[in-house]
Amino acid sequence: MRKSRFTEAQIIGMIKEQEAGMPTAEVCRRHGLSPATFYRLKSKYGGMEVSEAARLKALEDENAKLKRLLADTKRWSCYFDQFPARLSYSMGFISGGGFQVLVSAIICLARRQQPVG
């Protein structure tokens, strides 16, 4: 995702300038952005204070992280669908201290097959 040219504090300052009575065209000219961009930012940050905008940014970052985690989980779930059949074969190794054998079998399975979907 592209990084914004303006910080949340700058964006909120621009919105407050416009709300204080400065014409939108003048605010856009002074800060070098189009009216469409200004109104998009105003719809996102309008009525917020700087601390609220920082919290919004933190929540958006956390949401993106959780979405990536969910996507990775779904991507690798195809390996674990096949896991019980391979586990029953390897159970004898686990009781004999062969846990490393099972782990290496899972790693080999992951290297040989591409995730589905």
Protein backbone atom coordinates (compact mmCIF):
# COMPACT_ATOMS: atom_id res chain seq x y z
CA MET A 1 0.00 0.00 0.00
CA ARG A 2 1.27 3.45 -0.90
CA LYS A 3 2.43 5.68 1.93
CA SER A 4 0.54 8.96 2.25
CA ARG A 5 2.36 12.22 1.64
CA PHE A 6 0.65 13.72 4.66
CA THR A 7 0.53 12.66 8.29
CA GLU A 8 -2.77 12.31 10.08
CA ALA A 9 -2.08 15.58 11.92
CA GLN A 10 -1.53 17.43 8.63
CA ILE A 11 -4.71 15.98 7.12
CA ILE A 12 -6.77 16.95 10.15
CA GLY A 13 -5.20 20.43 10.03
CA MET A 14 -6.27 20.83 6.39
CA ILE A 15 -9.82 19.78 7.23
CA LYS A 16 -9.95 22.25 10.14
CA GLU A 17 -8.71 25.05 7.83
CA GLN A 18 -11.56 24.32 5.43
CA GLU A 19 -14.10 24.08 8.24
CA ALA A 20 -12.87 27.43 9.61
CA GLY A 21 -14.01 29.11 6.40
CA MET A 22 -11.14 28.87 3.94
CA PRO A 23 -12.40 27.85 0.48
CA THR A 24 -11.73 24.23 -0.47
CA ALA A 25 -9.93 25.27 -3.65
CA GLU A 26 -7.55 27.44 -1.62
CA VAL A 27 -6.79 24.64 0.88
CA CYS A 28 -6.12 22.25 -2.00
CA ARG A 29 -3.85 24.73 -3.79
CA ARG A 30 -1.83 25.51 -0.65
CA HIS A 31 -1.23 21.85 0.14
CA GLY A 32 -0.90 20.56 -3.42
CA LEU A 33 -3.75 18.09 -3.65
CA SER A 34 -6.84 17.75 -5.80
CA PRO A 35 -10.33 18.51 -4.49
CA ALA A 36 -11.27 14.84 -4.99
CA THR A 37 -8.39 13.76 -2.75
CA PHE A 38 -9.33 16.40 -0.18
CA TYR A 39 -12.93 15.19 -0.01
CA ARG A 40 -11.81 11.55 0.19
CA LEU A 41 -9.55 12.42 3.13
CA LYS A 42 -12.33 14.51 4.69
CA SER A 43 -14.73 11.57 4.49
CA LYS A 44 -12.19 9.39 6.28
CA TYR A 45 -10.80 11.84 8.86
CA GLY A 46 -13.59 14.45 9.18
CA GLY A 47 -14.61 15.15 12.76
CA MET A 48 -11.60 13.35 14.25
CA GLU A 49 -8.85 14.57 16.50
CA VAL A 50 -5.22 13.55 16.00
CA SER A 51 -5.34 10.92 18.76
CA GLU A 52 -8.42 9.31 17.21
CA ALA A 53 -6.71 9.21 13.81
CA ALA A 54 -3.67 7.51 15.34
CA ARG A 55 -5.96 4.92 16.92
CA LEU A 56 -7.70 4.37 13.58
CA LYS A 57 -4.31 3.79 11.92
CA ALA A 58 -3.32 1.29 14.63
CA LEU A 59 -6.61 -0.59 14.22
CA GLU A 60 -6.21 -0.68 10.42
CA ASP A 61 -2.67 -2.08 10.80
CA GLU A 62 -3.87 -4.74 13.24
CA ASN A 63 -6.74 -5.66 10.92
CA ALA A 64 -4.33 -6.05 7.97
CA LYS A 65 -2.06 -8.27 10.09
CA LEU A 66 -4.99 -10.49 11.09
CA LYS A 67 -6.16 -10.74 7.47
CA ARG A 68 -2.66 -11.88 6.40
CA LEU A 69 -2.62 -14.43 9.22
CA LEU A 70 -6.01 -15.79 8.14
CA ALA A 71 -4.88 -16.00 4.51
CA ASP A 72 -1.72 -17.90 5.51
CA THR A 73 -3.78 -20.27 7.65
CA LYS A 74 -6.15 -20.99 4.77
CA ARG A 75 -3.25 -21.39 2.35
CA TRP A 76 -1.53 -24.02 4.49
CA SER A 77 -4.69 -25.83 5.59
CA CYS A 78 -4.44 -28.21 2.61
CA TYR A 79 -1.37 -29.78 4.24
CA PHE A 80 -3.19 -30.41 7.48
CA ASP A 81 -6.14 -31.98 5.64
CA GLN A 82 -3.75 -34.79 4.65
CA PHE A 83 -2.05 -34.88 8.04
CA PRO A 84 -4.22 -37.51 9.89
CA ALA A 85 -3.52 -40.24 7.31
CA ARG A 86 0.21 -39.62 7.52
CA LEU A 87 0.06 -39.27 11.31
CA SER A 88 -1.48 -42.71 11.82
CA TYR A 89 1.41 -44.22 9.86
CA SER A 90 3.94 -42.28 11.92
CA MET A 91 2.40 -42.91 15.38
CA GLY A 92 4.72 -45.80 16.01
CA PHE A 93 7.68 -43.48 15.60
CA ILE A 94 6.34 -40.96 18.11
CA SER A 95 6.03 -43.49 20.93
CA GLY A 96 9.56 -44.68 20.19
CA GLY A 97 10.98 -41.15 20.46
CA GLY A 98 10.76 -40.49 16.74
CA PHE A 99 9.08 -37.10 16.94
CA GLN A 100 11.82 -35.65 14.75
CA VAL A 101 10.93 -38.20 12.07
CA LEU A 102 7.34 -36.98 12.07
CA VAL A 103 8.41 -33.35 11.89
CA SER A 104 10.77 -34.07 9.00
CA ALA A 105 7.97 -35.95 7.21
CA ILE A 106 5.72 -32.90 7.53
CA ILE A 107 8.48 -30.63 6.23
CA CYS A 108 9.05 -32.92 3.26
CA LEU A 109 5.33 -32.92 2.53
CA ALA A 110 5.30 -29.12 2.62
CA ARG A 111 8.23 -28.90 0.20
CA ARG A 112 6.77 -31.33 -2.34
CA GLN A 113 3.27 -29.90 -2.66
CA GLN A 114 2.02 -26.44 -3.48
CA PRO A 115 -0.88 -25.06 -1.46
CA VAL A 116 -4.30 -25.27 -3.09
CA GLY A 117 -6.26 -22.08 -3.73
